[in-house]
N, C-alpha and C. Protein backbone atom coordinates (compact mmCIF):
# COMPACT_ATOMS: atom_id res chain seq x y z
N MET A 1 20.87 -12.17 1.59
CA MET A 1 20.99 -10.89 2.27
C MET A 1 19.63 -10.20 2.32
N SER A 2 19.26 -9.73 3.49
CA SER A 2 17.98 -9.06 3.69
C SER A 2 18.06 -7.60 3.24
N VAL A 3 16.97 -7.13 2.65
CA VAL A 3 16.86 -5.74 2.23
C VAL A 3 15.91 -5.03 3.18
N CYS A 4 16.25 -3.80 3.55
CA CYS A 4 15.45 -3.02 4.49
C CYS A 4 14.99 -1.72 3.83
N ILE A 5 13.72 -1.37 4.05
CA ILE A 5 13.20 -0.09 3.58
C ILE A 5 12.56 0.62 4.77
N GLU A 6 12.52 1.95 4.71
CA GLU A 6 11.94 2.73 5.79
C GLU A 6 11.05 3.82 5.23
N ASN A 7 9.92 4.04 5.90
CA ASN A 7 8.98 5.10 5.55
C ASN A 7 9.12 6.19 6.60
N LYS A 8 9.72 7.31 6.21
CA LYS A 8 9.98 8.39 7.17
C LYS A 8 8.71 9.12 7.59
N LEU A 9 7.65 9.05 6.80
CA LEU A 9 6.38 9.68 7.18
C LEU A 9 5.68 8.91 8.29
N THR A 10 5.70 7.58 8.20
CA THR A 10 4.94 6.75 9.15
C THR A 10 5.81 6.15 10.25
N GLY A 11 7.13 6.14 10.04
CA GLY A 11 8.02 5.51 11.01
C GLY A 11 8.08 3.99 10.87
N GLN A 12 7.54 3.47 9.78
CA GLN A 12 7.59 2.02 9.54
C GLN A 12 8.94 1.64 8.94
N ARG A 13 9.40 0.46 9.31
CA ARG A 13 10.63 -0.11 8.76
C ARG A 13 10.32 -1.56 8.42
N ILE A 14 10.68 -1.98 7.21
CA ILE A 14 10.41 -3.34 6.77
C ILE A 14 11.71 -3.99 6.31
N VAL A 15 11.95 -5.20 6.82
CA VAL A 15 13.07 -6.02 6.36
C VAL A 15 12.45 -7.19 5.60
N PHE A 16 12.83 -7.33 4.33
CA PHE A 16 12.33 -8.44 3.52
C PHE A 16 13.16 -9.67 3.85
N LEU A 17 12.53 -10.69 4.45
CA LEU A 17 13.23 -11.91 4.83
C LEU A 17 13.19 -12.94 3.70
N ILE A 18 12.01 -13.10 3.10
CA ILE A 18 11.84 -13.95 1.92
C ILE A 18 11.05 -13.11 0.93
N GLU A 19 11.69 -12.73 -0.16
CA GLU A 19 11.04 -11.83 -1.10
C GLU A 19 10.46 -12.59 -2.28
N GLY A 20 9.31 -13.20 -2.03
CA GLY A 20 8.64 -13.92 -3.09
C GLY A 20 7.87 -12.99 -4.00
N LYS A 21 7.55 -13.48 -5.19
CA LYS A 21 6.73 -12.75 -6.16
C LYS A 21 5.68 -13.70 -6.70
N GLY A 22 4.66 -13.14 -7.29
CA GLY A 22 3.63 -13.97 -7.90
C GLY A 22 2.97 -14.88 -6.89
N GLU A 23 3.03 -16.19 -7.15
CA GLU A 23 2.36 -17.18 -6.30
C GLU A 23 3.17 -17.57 -5.08
N GLU A 24 4.39 -17.08 -4.96
CA GLU A 24 5.22 -17.40 -3.80
C GLU A 24 4.76 -16.58 -2.59
N GLN A 25 5.37 -16.84 -1.46
CA GLN A 25 5.04 -16.04 -0.27
C GLN A 25 6.09 -14.96 -0.05
N LEU A 26 5.65 -13.90 0.59
CA LEU A 26 6.51 -12.78 0.97
C LEU A 26 6.55 -12.77 2.49
N VAL A 27 7.75 -12.78 3.07
CA VAL A 27 7.90 -12.79 4.52
C VAL A 27 8.73 -11.58 4.92
N MET A 28 8.22 -10.81 5.89
CA MET A 28 8.88 -9.58 6.31
C MET A 28 8.88 -9.46 7.82
N ARG A 29 9.78 -8.65 8.32
CA ARG A 29 9.77 -8.21 9.72
C ARG A 29 9.51 -6.71 9.65
N MET A 30 8.45 -6.26 10.31
CA MET A 30 8.08 -4.85 10.26
C MET A 30 8.13 -4.26 11.66
N SER A 31 8.60 -3.03 11.73
CA SER A 31 8.57 -2.32 13.01
C SER A 31 7.97 -0.94 12.81
N TYR A 32 7.25 -0.52 13.83
CA TYR A 32 6.66 0.82 13.87
C TYR A 32 7.41 1.59 14.95
N ARG A 33 7.94 2.71 14.60
CA ARG A 33 8.66 3.55 15.55
C ARG A 33 7.69 4.57 16.14
N GLY A 34 7.41 4.46 17.41
CA GLY A 34 6.54 5.43 18.07
C GLY A 34 5.08 5.29 17.72
N LYS A 35 4.26 5.99 18.48
CA LYS A 35 2.81 5.94 18.30
C LYS A 35 2.45 6.46 16.92
N GLY A 36 1.60 5.73 16.24
CA GLY A 36 1.23 6.11 14.89
C GLY A 36 -0.23 6.49 14.76
N ILE A 37 -0.61 6.86 13.54
CA ILE A 37 -2.00 7.16 13.23
C ILE A 37 -2.54 6.05 12.33
N ALA A 38 -3.82 5.92 12.30
CA ALA A 38 -4.46 4.86 11.51
C ALA A 38 -4.23 5.09 10.02
N PRO A 39 -3.73 4.07 9.32
CA PRO A 39 -3.62 4.17 7.87
C PRO A 39 -4.99 3.96 7.22
N PRO A 40 -5.11 4.13 5.91
CA PRO A 40 -6.41 3.93 5.26
C PRO A 40 -6.90 2.49 5.44
N LEU A 41 -8.19 2.36 5.68
CA LEU A 41 -8.82 1.05 5.74
C LEU A 41 -8.74 0.44 4.35
N HIS A 42 -8.28 -0.81 4.27
CA HIS A 42 -8.08 -1.44 2.97
C HIS A 42 -8.35 -2.95 3.05
N TYR A 43 -8.30 -3.59 1.88
CA TYR A 43 -8.45 -5.05 1.81
C TYR A 43 -7.67 -5.55 0.60
N HIS A 44 -7.52 -6.85 0.53
CA HIS A 44 -6.81 -7.50 -0.57
C HIS A 44 -7.76 -8.51 -1.21
N ILE A 45 -7.82 -8.54 -2.53
CA ILE A 45 -8.79 -9.41 -3.19
C ILE A 45 -8.32 -10.85 -3.32
N ALA A 46 -7.02 -11.08 -3.29
CA ALA A 46 -6.52 -12.43 -3.53
C ALA A 46 -5.44 -12.87 -2.56
N GLN A 47 -5.20 -12.09 -1.52
CA GLN A 47 -4.09 -12.40 -0.63
C GLN A 47 -4.55 -12.66 0.80
N GLN A 48 -3.81 -13.53 1.45
CA GLN A 48 -3.98 -13.82 2.85
C GLN A 48 -2.75 -13.27 3.57
N GLU A 49 -2.96 -12.68 4.74
CA GLU A 49 -1.85 -12.14 5.52
C GLU A 49 -1.87 -12.76 6.92
N LYS A 50 -0.67 -13.04 7.44
CA LYS A 50 -0.53 -13.54 8.81
C LYS A 50 0.46 -12.64 9.52
N PHE A 51 0.11 -12.25 10.74
CA PHE A 51 0.94 -11.36 11.54
C PHE A 51 1.19 -11.99 12.90
N SER A 52 2.40 -11.82 13.41
CA SER A 52 2.76 -12.24 14.77
C SER A 52 3.46 -11.06 15.42
N VAL A 53 2.88 -10.57 16.52
CA VAL A 53 3.48 -9.43 17.22
C VAL A 53 4.61 -9.96 18.10
N ILE A 54 5.81 -9.45 17.85
CA ILE A 54 7.01 -9.90 18.57
C ILE A 54 7.22 -9.06 19.83
N SER A 55 7.07 -7.75 19.68
CA SER A 55 7.23 -6.86 20.83
C SER A 55 6.31 -5.66 20.65
N GLY A 56 5.95 -5.06 21.78
CA GLY A 56 5.08 -3.90 21.73
C GLY A 56 3.62 -4.28 21.65
N GLU A 57 2.82 -3.37 21.12
CA GLU A 57 1.38 -3.54 21.06
C GLU A 57 0.84 -2.85 19.81
N LEU A 58 -0.04 -3.51 19.13
CA LEU A 58 -0.60 -3.04 17.88
C LEU A 58 -2.09 -2.77 18.05
N ILE A 59 -2.59 -1.73 17.41
CA ILE A 59 -4.04 -1.54 17.34
C ILE A 59 -4.46 -2.08 15.98
N LEU A 60 -5.47 -2.94 15.99
CA LEU A 60 -5.96 -3.59 14.78
C LEU A 60 -7.44 -3.28 14.61
N PHE A 61 -7.78 -2.68 13.46
CA PHE A 61 -9.18 -2.53 13.08
C PHE A 61 -9.43 -3.58 12.02
N HIS A 62 -10.30 -4.55 12.33
CA HIS A 62 -10.51 -5.70 11.45
C HIS A 62 -11.96 -6.13 11.53
N GLN A 63 -12.60 -6.18 10.38
CA GLN A 63 -13.99 -6.62 10.30
C GLN A 63 -14.90 -5.82 11.23
N GLY A 64 -14.67 -4.50 11.29
CA GLY A 64 -15.53 -3.63 12.07
C GLY A 64 -15.24 -3.57 13.56
N LYS A 65 -14.20 -4.28 14.01
CA LYS A 65 -13.86 -4.30 15.44
C LYS A 65 -12.47 -3.72 15.65
N LEU A 66 -12.32 -3.01 16.76
CA LEU A 66 -11.04 -2.44 17.15
C LEU A 66 -10.47 -3.28 18.29
N ASP A 67 -9.26 -3.81 18.11
CA ASP A 67 -8.62 -4.66 19.11
C ASP A 67 -7.19 -4.21 19.36
N ARG A 68 -6.67 -4.56 20.53
CA ARG A 68 -5.26 -4.38 20.85
C ARG A 68 -4.62 -5.76 20.78
N VAL A 69 -3.53 -5.86 20.02
CA VAL A 69 -2.83 -7.13 19.88
C VAL A 69 -1.46 -6.97 20.53
N LYS A 70 -1.20 -7.77 21.55
CA LYS A 70 0.04 -7.65 22.32
C LYS A 70 1.07 -8.67 21.86
N ALA A 71 2.32 -8.43 22.28
CA ALA A 71 3.43 -9.34 21.96
C ALA A 71 3.05 -10.77 22.33
N GLY A 72 3.41 -11.70 21.44
CA GLY A 72 3.11 -13.11 21.66
C GLY A 72 1.82 -13.56 21.00
N HIS A 73 1.05 -12.63 20.45
CA HIS A 73 -0.21 -12.98 19.80
C HIS A 73 -0.09 -12.85 18.28
N SER A 74 -0.89 -13.65 17.60
CA SER A 74 -0.91 -13.67 16.13
C SER A 74 -2.34 -13.48 15.64
N PHE A 75 -2.46 -13.07 14.39
CA PHE A 75 -3.77 -12.97 13.76
C PHE A 75 -3.60 -13.11 12.25
N GLN A 76 -4.72 -13.40 11.59
CA GLN A 76 -4.71 -13.65 10.16
C GLN A 76 -5.78 -12.80 9.49
N ILE A 77 -5.48 -12.31 8.30
CA ILE A 77 -6.42 -11.53 7.49
C ILE A 77 -6.68 -12.32 6.20
N GLU A 78 -7.94 -12.59 5.94
CA GLU A 78 -8.33 -13.32 4.73
C GLU A 78 -8.66 -12.33 3.61
N PRO A 79 -8.68 -12.81 2.34
CA PRO A 79 -9.06 -11.92 1.23
C PRO A 79 -10.42 -11.25 1.50
N PHE A 80 -10.52 -10.01 1.08
CA PHE A 80 -11.73 -9.17 1.18
C PHE A 80 -12.06 -8.71 2.60
N GLN A 81 -11.24 -9.03 3.60
CA GLN A 81 -11.48 -8.55 4.95
C GLN A 81 -10.83 -7.18 5.12
N GLU A 82 -11.65 -6.19 5.42
CA GLU A 82 -11.14 -4.82 5.59
C GLU A 82 -10.34 -4.74 6.89
N HIS A 83 -9.21 -4.02 6.81
CA HIS A 83 -8.36 -3.92 7.99
C HIS A 83 -7.42 -2.72 7.91
N ALA A 84 -6.90 -2.35 9.06
CA ALA A 84 -5.86 -1.34 9.20
C ALA A 84 -5.21 -1.60 10.55
N MET A 85 -3.92 -1.28 10.67
CA MET A 85 -3.23 -1.47 11.95
C MET A 85 -2.17 -0.42 12.13
N TRP A 86 -1.87 -0.12 13.40
CA TRP A 86 -0.86 0.88 13.70
C TRP A 86 -0.34 0.66 15.11
N ASN A 87 0.74 1.33 15.43
CA ASN A 87 1.38 1.20 16.72
C ASN A 87 0.51 1.82 17.81
N ALA A 88 0.32 1.09 18.91
CA ALA A 88 -0.54 1.55 19.99
C ALA A 88 0.21 2.28 21.09
N GLN A 89 1.53 2.31 21.01
CA GLN A 89 2.31 2.84 22.13
C GLN A 89 3.40 3.80 21.66
N ASP A 90 4.01 4.48 22.60
CA ASP A 90 5.09 5.41 22.28
C ASP A 90 6.36 4.70 21.84
N GLY A 91 6.61 3.50 22.34
CA GLY A 91 7.80 2.74 21.99
C GLY A 91 7.64 2.03 20.65
N CYS A 92 8.57 1.18 20.36
CA CYS A 92 8.59 0.44 19.09
C CYS A 92 7.71 -0.81 19.19
N THR A 93 6.99 -1.11 18.12
CA THR A 93 6.25 -2.37 17.99
C THR A 93 6.82 -3.11 16.80
N GLU A 94 7.10 -4.39 17.00
CA GLU A 94 7.73 -5.20 15.94
C GLU A 94 6.88 -6.43 15.69
N LEU A 95 6.75 -6.80 14.42
CA LEU A 95 5.96 -7.97 14.08
C LEU A 95 6.51 -8.67 12.85
N ASP A 96 6.22 -9.96 12.76
CA ASP A 96 6.50 -10.74 11.56
C ASP A 96 5.24 -10.70 10.72
N TRP A 97 5.44 -10.62 9.38
CA TRP A 97 4.32 -10.42 8.46
C TRP A 97 4.55 -11.32 7.25
N MET A 98 3.56 -12.16 6.94
CA MET A 98 3.62 -13.05 5.79
C MET A 98 2.44 -12.76 4.87
N VAL A 99 2.72 -12.63 3.58
CA VAL A 99 1.69 -12.38 2.58
C VAL A 99 1.73 -13.52 1.57
N TYR A 100 0.56 -14.12 1.29
CA TYR A 100 0.48 -15.21 0.32
C TYR A 100 -0.81 -15.09 -0.50
N PRO A 101 -0.74 -15.15 -1.81
CA PRO A 101 0.46 -15.07 -2.64
C PRO A 101 1.05 -13.66 -2.61
N ALA A 102 2.32 -13.58 -2.85
CA ALA A 102 3.03 -12.30 -2.75
C ALA A 102 2.57 -11.30 -3.81
N LEU A 103 2.26 -11.79 -5.01
CA LEU A 103 1.98 -10.92 -6.15
C LEU A 103 3.12 -9.90 -6.26
N ASN A 104 2.82 -8.60 -6.31
CA ASN A 104 3.90 -7.61 -6.35
C ASN A 104 3.83 -6.69 -5.13
N THR A 105 3.55 -7.28 -3.98
CA THR A 105 3.45 -6.50 -2.75
C THR A 105 4.77 -5.82 -2.41
N ALA A 106 5.88 -6.48 -2.62
CA ALA A 106 7.19 -5.86 -2.34
C ALA A 106 7.39 -4.63 -3.21
N GLY A 107 6.98 -4.70 -4.46
CA GLY A 107 7.07 -3.54 -5.36
C GLY A 107 6.21 -2.39 -4.87
N PHE A 108 4.99 -2.71 -4.42
CA PHE A 108 4.10 -1.68 -3.87
C PHE A 108 4.74 -1.01 -2.65
N LEU A 109 5.27 -1.81 -1.74
CA LEU A 109 5.87 -1.26 -0.52
C LEU A 109 7.08 -0.39 -0.85
N ARG A 110 7.94 -0.87 -1.74
CA ARG A 110 9.12 -0.09 -2.12
C ARG A 110 8.72 1.25 -2.74
N GLU A 111 7.78 1.20 -3.68
CA GLU A 111 7.38 2.42 -4.38
C GLU A 111 6.66 3.40 -3.45
N SER A 112 5.76 2.89 -2.62
CA SER A 112 5.03 3.79 -1.73
C SER A 112 5.95 4.39 -0.67
N PHE A 113 6.90 3.62 -0.16
CA PHE A 113 7.86 4.15 0.82
C PHE A 113 8.76 5.19 0.16
N ALA A 114 9.20 4.95 -1.07
CA ALA A 114 10.06 5.92 -1.78
C ALA A 114 9.30 7.23 -1.98
N MET A 115 8.03 7.14 -2.38
CA MET A 115 7.22 8.36 -2.55
C MET A 115 7.05 9.09 -1.22
N ALA A 116 6.79 8.34 -0.15
CA ALA A 116 6.61 8.95 1.17
C ALA A 116 7.89 9.65 1.61
N ASN A 117 9.03 9.03 1.38
CA ASN A 117 10.30 9.63 1.79
C ASN A 117 10.60 10.90 1.00
N LYS A 118 10.20 10.90 -0.28
CA LYS A 118 10.39 12.10 -1.09
C LYS A 118 9.51 13.24 -0.55
N GLN A 119 8.27 12.93 -0.19
CA GLN A 119 7.36 13.93 0.38
C GLN A 119 7.90 14.43 1.72
N PHE A 120 8.43 13.51 2.53
CA PHE A 120 9.00 13.86 3.83
C PHE A 120 10.15 14.86 3.65
N GLY A 121 10.97 14.61 2.64
CA GLY A 121 12.09 15.50 2.33
C GLY A 121 11.64 16.89 1.92
N LYS A 122 10.41 17.00 1.41
CA LYS A 122 9.86 18.30 1.01
C LYS A 122 9.07 18.95 2.15
N GLY A 123 9.07 18.31 3.32
CA GLY A 123 8.34 18.86 4.47
C GLY A 123 6.86 18.52 4.47
N LYS A 124 6.42 17.63 3.60
CA LYS A 124 5.00 17.23 3.52
C LYS A 124 4.73 16.15 4.56
N LYS A 125 3.45 15.99 4.93
CA LYS A 125 3.08 15.00 5.93
C LYS A 125 2.30 13.83 5.36
N ASP A 126 2.07 13.85 4.04
CA ASP A 126 1.29 12.78 3.42
C ASP A 126 1.59 12.76 1.92
N LEU A 127 1.18 11.69 1.27
CA LEU A 127 1.28 11.61 -0.18
C LEU A 127 0.20 12.48 -0.80
N SER A 128 0.44 12.98 -1.99
CA SER A 128 -0.57 13.77 -2.70
C SER A 128 -1.67 12.84 -3.22
N LEU A 129 -2.80 13.41 -3.58
CA LEU A 129 -3.89 12.62 -4.17
C LEU A 129 -3.41 11.92 -5.43
N LYS A 130 -2.63 12.61 -6.24
CA LYS A 130 -2.11 12.02 -7.48
C LYS A 130 -1.25 10.79 -7.17
N HIS A 131 -0.39 10.87 -6.15
CA HIS A 131 0.42 9.72 -5.76
C HIS A 131 -0.46 8.56 -5.30
N LYS A 132 -1.43 8.86 -4.45
CA LYS A 132 -2.30 7.81 -3.91
C LYS A 132 -3.09 7.10 -5.00
N ILE A 133 -3.65 7.88 -5.92
CA ILE A 133 -4.43 7.28 -7.01
C ILE A 133 -3.51 6.48 -7.94
N GLY A 134 -2.32 7.01 -8.21
CA GLY A 134 -1.36 6.28 -9.04
C GLY A 134 -1.00 4.93 -8.45
N LEU A 135 -0.75 4.90 -7.15
CA LEU A 135 -0.43 3.63 -6.47
C LEU A 135 -1.64 2.69 -6.46
N ALA A 136 -2.82 3.23 -6.13
CA ALA A 136 -4.03 2.40 -6.06
C ALA A 136 -4.35 1.78 -7.42
N TYR A 137 -4.08 2.51 -8.50
CA TYR A 137 -4.33 1.99 -9.84
C TYR A 137 -3.30 0.93 -10.23
N LYS A 138 -2.03 1.26 -10.05
CA LYS A 138 -0.94 0.36 -10.44
C LYS A 138 -0.97 -0.95 -9.66
N TYR A 139 -1.31 -0.88 -8.38
CA TYR A 139 -1.26 -2.07 -7.53
C TYR A 139 -2.66 -2.54 -7.11
N LYS A 140 -3.61 -2.43 -8.04
CA LYS A 140 -5.00 -2.80 -7.72
C LYS A 140 -5.16 -4.30 -7.46
N GLN A 141 -4.23 -5.13 -7.90
CA GLN A 141 -4.30 -6.57 -7.58
C GLN A 141 -3.79 -6.84 -6.16
N GLU A 142 -2.97 -5.92 -5.64
CA GLU A 142 -2.38 -6.11 -4.32
C GLU A 142 -3.19 -5.45 -3.20
N ILE A 143 -3.79 -4.28 -3.48
CA ILE A 143 -4.45 -3.54 -2.42
C ILE A 143 -5.63 -2.73 -2.97
N ARG A 144 -6.70 -2.68 -2.20
CA ARG A 144 -7.87 -1.87 -2.54
C ARG A 144 -8.23 -1.02 -1.33
N LEU A 145 -8.51 0.24 -1.57
CA LEU A 145 -8.90 1.15 -0.51
C LEU A 145 -10.41 1.09 -0.32
N LYS A 146 -10.87 0.97 0.91
CA LYS A 146 -12.31 0.94 1.18
C LYS A 146 -12.95 2.27 0.81
N SER A 147 -12.26 3.37 1.07
CA SER A 147 -12.84 4.70 0.87
C SER A 147 -12.93 5.12 -0.59
N VAL A 148 -12.20 4.44 -1.48
CA VAL A 148 -12.21 4.82 -2.89
C VAL A 148 -12.43 3.55 -3.73
N PRO A 149 -13.66 3.30 -4.17
CA PRO A 149 -13.94 2.09 -4.97
C PRO A 149 -13.10 2.07 -6.26
N LEU A 150 -12.84 0.87 -6.76
CA LEU A 150 -11.97 0.70 -7.93
C LEU A 150 -12.45 1.50 -9.14
N PHE A 151 -13.77 1.57 -9.38
CA PHE A 151 -14.25 2.34 -10.53
C PHE A 151 -13.83 3.81 -10.41
N LEU A 152 -13.84 4.33 -9.18
CA LEU A 152 -13.44 5.71 -8.95
C LEU A 152 -11.93 5.88 -9.10
N VAL A 153 -11.17 4.89 -8.65
CA VAL A 153 -9.71 4.91 -8.85
C VAL A 153 -9.41 4.96 -10.35
N ARG A 154 -10.10 4.14 -11.13
CA ARG A 154 -9.88 4.12 -12.59
C ARG A 154 -10.24 5.46 -13.23
N PHE A 155 -11.37 6.02 -12.82
CA PHE A 155 -11.82 7.30 -13.36
C PHE A 155 -10.83 8.41 -13.01
N LEU A 156 -10.45 8.50 -11.74
CA LEU A 156 -9.51 9.54 -11.30
C LEU A 156 -8.14 9.36 -11.96
N HIS A 157 -7.73 8.11 -12.14
CA HIS A 157 -6.44 7.86 -12.79
C HIS A 157 -6.47 8.37 -14.24
N ALA A 158 -7.58 8.15 -14.92
CA ALA A 158 -7.70 8.65 -16.30
C ALA A 158 -7.66 10.17 -16.34
N LEU A 159 -8.24 10.83 -15.34
CA LEU A 159 -8.20 12.30 -15.29
C LEU A 159 -6.80 12.82 -14.94
N LEU A 160 -6.14 12.15 -14.00
CA LEU A 160 -4.83 12.61 -13.53
C LEU A 160 -3.68 12.21 -14.46
N TYR A 161 -3.86 11.11 -15.18
CA TYR A 161 -2.82 10.59 -16.09
C TYR A 161 -3.42 10.32 -17.47
N PRO A 162 -3.94 11.34 -18.16
CA PRO A 162 -4.66 11.09 -19.43
C PRO A 162 -3.80 10.43 -20.50
N LYS A 163 -2.52 10.75 -20.59
CA LYS A 163 -1.69 10.16 -21.65
C LYS A 163 -1.55 8.65 -21.50
N LYS A 164 -1.59 8.14 -20.26
CA LYS A 164 -1.50 6.70 -20.04
C LYS A 164 -2.75 5.98 -20.53
N HIS A 165 -3.87 6.70 -20.59
CA HIS A 165 -5.13 6.09 -21.02
C HIS A 165 -5.48 6.41 -22.46
N PHE A 166 -5.16 7.63 -22.90
CA PHE A 166 -5.63 8.08 -24.20
C PHE A 166 -4.51 8.41 -25.18
N GLY A 167 -3.26 8.34 -24.74
CA GLY A 167 -2.15 8.71 -25.61
C GLY A 167 -2.13 10.20 -25.87
N ASN A 168 -1.55 10.59 -26.98
CA ASN A 168 -1.46 12.01 -27.33
C ASN A 168 -2.69 12.36 -28.17
N ILE A 169 -3.75 12.76 -27.50
CA ILE A 169 -5.04 13.01 -28.15
C ILE A 169 -4.94 14.10 -29.21
N SER A 170 -4.24 15.18 -28.91
CA SER A 170 -4.19 16.28 -29.87
C SER A 170 -3.55 15.84 -31.18
N ARG A 171 -2.50 15.03 -31.14
CA ARG A 171 -1.85 14.54 -32.36
C ARG A 171 -2.81 13.65 -33.14
N ARG A 172 -3.47 12.75 -32.45
CA ARG A 172 -4.42 11.85 -33.12
C ARG A 172 -5.56 12.65 -33.75
N THR A 173 -6.07 13.61 -33.04
CA THR A 173 -7.18 14.43 -33.54
C THR A 173 -6.73 15.21 -34.77
N HIS A 174 -5.52 15.76 -34.75
CA HIS A 174 -4.99 16.53 -35.87
C HIS A 174 -4.82 15.64 -37.10
N VAL A 175 -4.26 14.46 -36.91
CA VAL A 175 -4.07 13.52 -38.03
C VAL A 175 -5.42 13.08 -38.59
N GLY A 176 -6.39 12.81 -37.70
CA GLY A 176 -7.73 12.42 -38.13
C GLY A 176 -8.41 13.52 -38.90
N ALA A 177 -8.24 14.76 -38.47
CA ALA A 177 -8.85 15.91 -39.16
C ALA A 177 -8.24 16.07 -40.54
N GLU A 178 -6.93 15.85 -40.66
CA GLU A 178 -6.27 15.96 -41.98
C GLU A 178 -6.82 14.93 -42.94
N ARG A 179 -7.07 13.71 -42.48
CA ARG A 179 -7.60 12.66 -43.33
C ARG A 179 -9.00 13.02 -43.82
N ILE A 180 -9.80 13.59 -42.95
CA ILE A 180 -11.18 13.98 -43.32
C ILE A 180 -11.13 15.08 -44.37
N MET A 181 -10.19 16.01 -44.25
CA MET A 181 -10.11 17.16 -45.17
C MET A 181 -9.62 16.75 -46.55
N GLN A 182 -9.00 15.60 -46.71
CA GLN A 182 -8.45 15.21 -48.02
C GLN A 182 -9.50 14.69 -48.95
C-alpha cells in the first residue's frame, strides 16, 4: 500500500512507491500543484537522484544553469551537485523520483512536510529558522543547504538547542561547585 504526504505550504504531494531505507532505493511519485517558488539550493553528499517528468513542466537549477524540463524528459543529479526545482506552470507538474541510497530521506520528507503543514495551519508562509536548522542538523547525511555551511548549521543548532549539546549545564555547574567547596 502506497503512503501519500502533502506539503500545504509548497503544494507538493509525494506518494511513496518503494520506501527503502539505508542502502536501498527510495522511489516516489511527486506532484507540484500550481506555479511554485524556488526552494533552497541544496546538494546531497552520498545520494544520486533520478527524475522523470510525467506531465507538466519543471524549472531546474542545476550546476549553475537554469533549464526547463518538459514531460517525457529525464535527468539525474549526482552527489555534491547543487540543485533546486519547482513547477514552471500554473497547472500540475508530476514526476517520478528515485533516490539511491535512500538513507533516511523518507523520514526527512515526512518531518519537513509535517512541520510545514503545522506552520500553514498557523497562517505562516514558511518554516521558522529554528525548524530549518533543526532539520538541516538532523538530516545532514541526506541534505545540505548551499546557503548555510554545515559548520554554521552545527553552531546554530548548539545555540538554538543547547540541552541537546550540553545537557543541563546549570545542574552540572552546581554539582561541580559543591564538590569544589567540600
